[in-house]
């Protein structure tokens, strides 16, 4: 049996880019390109099976997860 593990909420690519930009104190611009044929317009993990069978509940926000990831790699904003 496979389980989806995630937050159960959708995050836009632009929002993810902003989170990473803020976490790394980047001054970079976020550049948007035109959508390409076949691009996925949205995706969200259905965590209902993991919730009901495993008692899973997200405990870390995406923002905090990115911060923890950077910290675990010893990254500082200047090295990312």
Foldseek 3Di string as FASTA:
>chain_A
DDADDDQQDWDDPVNLVVLLCVLLVHPDDDDDDDDDPPDDPTDGGDRVCCCVPVVDHDDADPSRVSNVVCVVVVHHSVRD
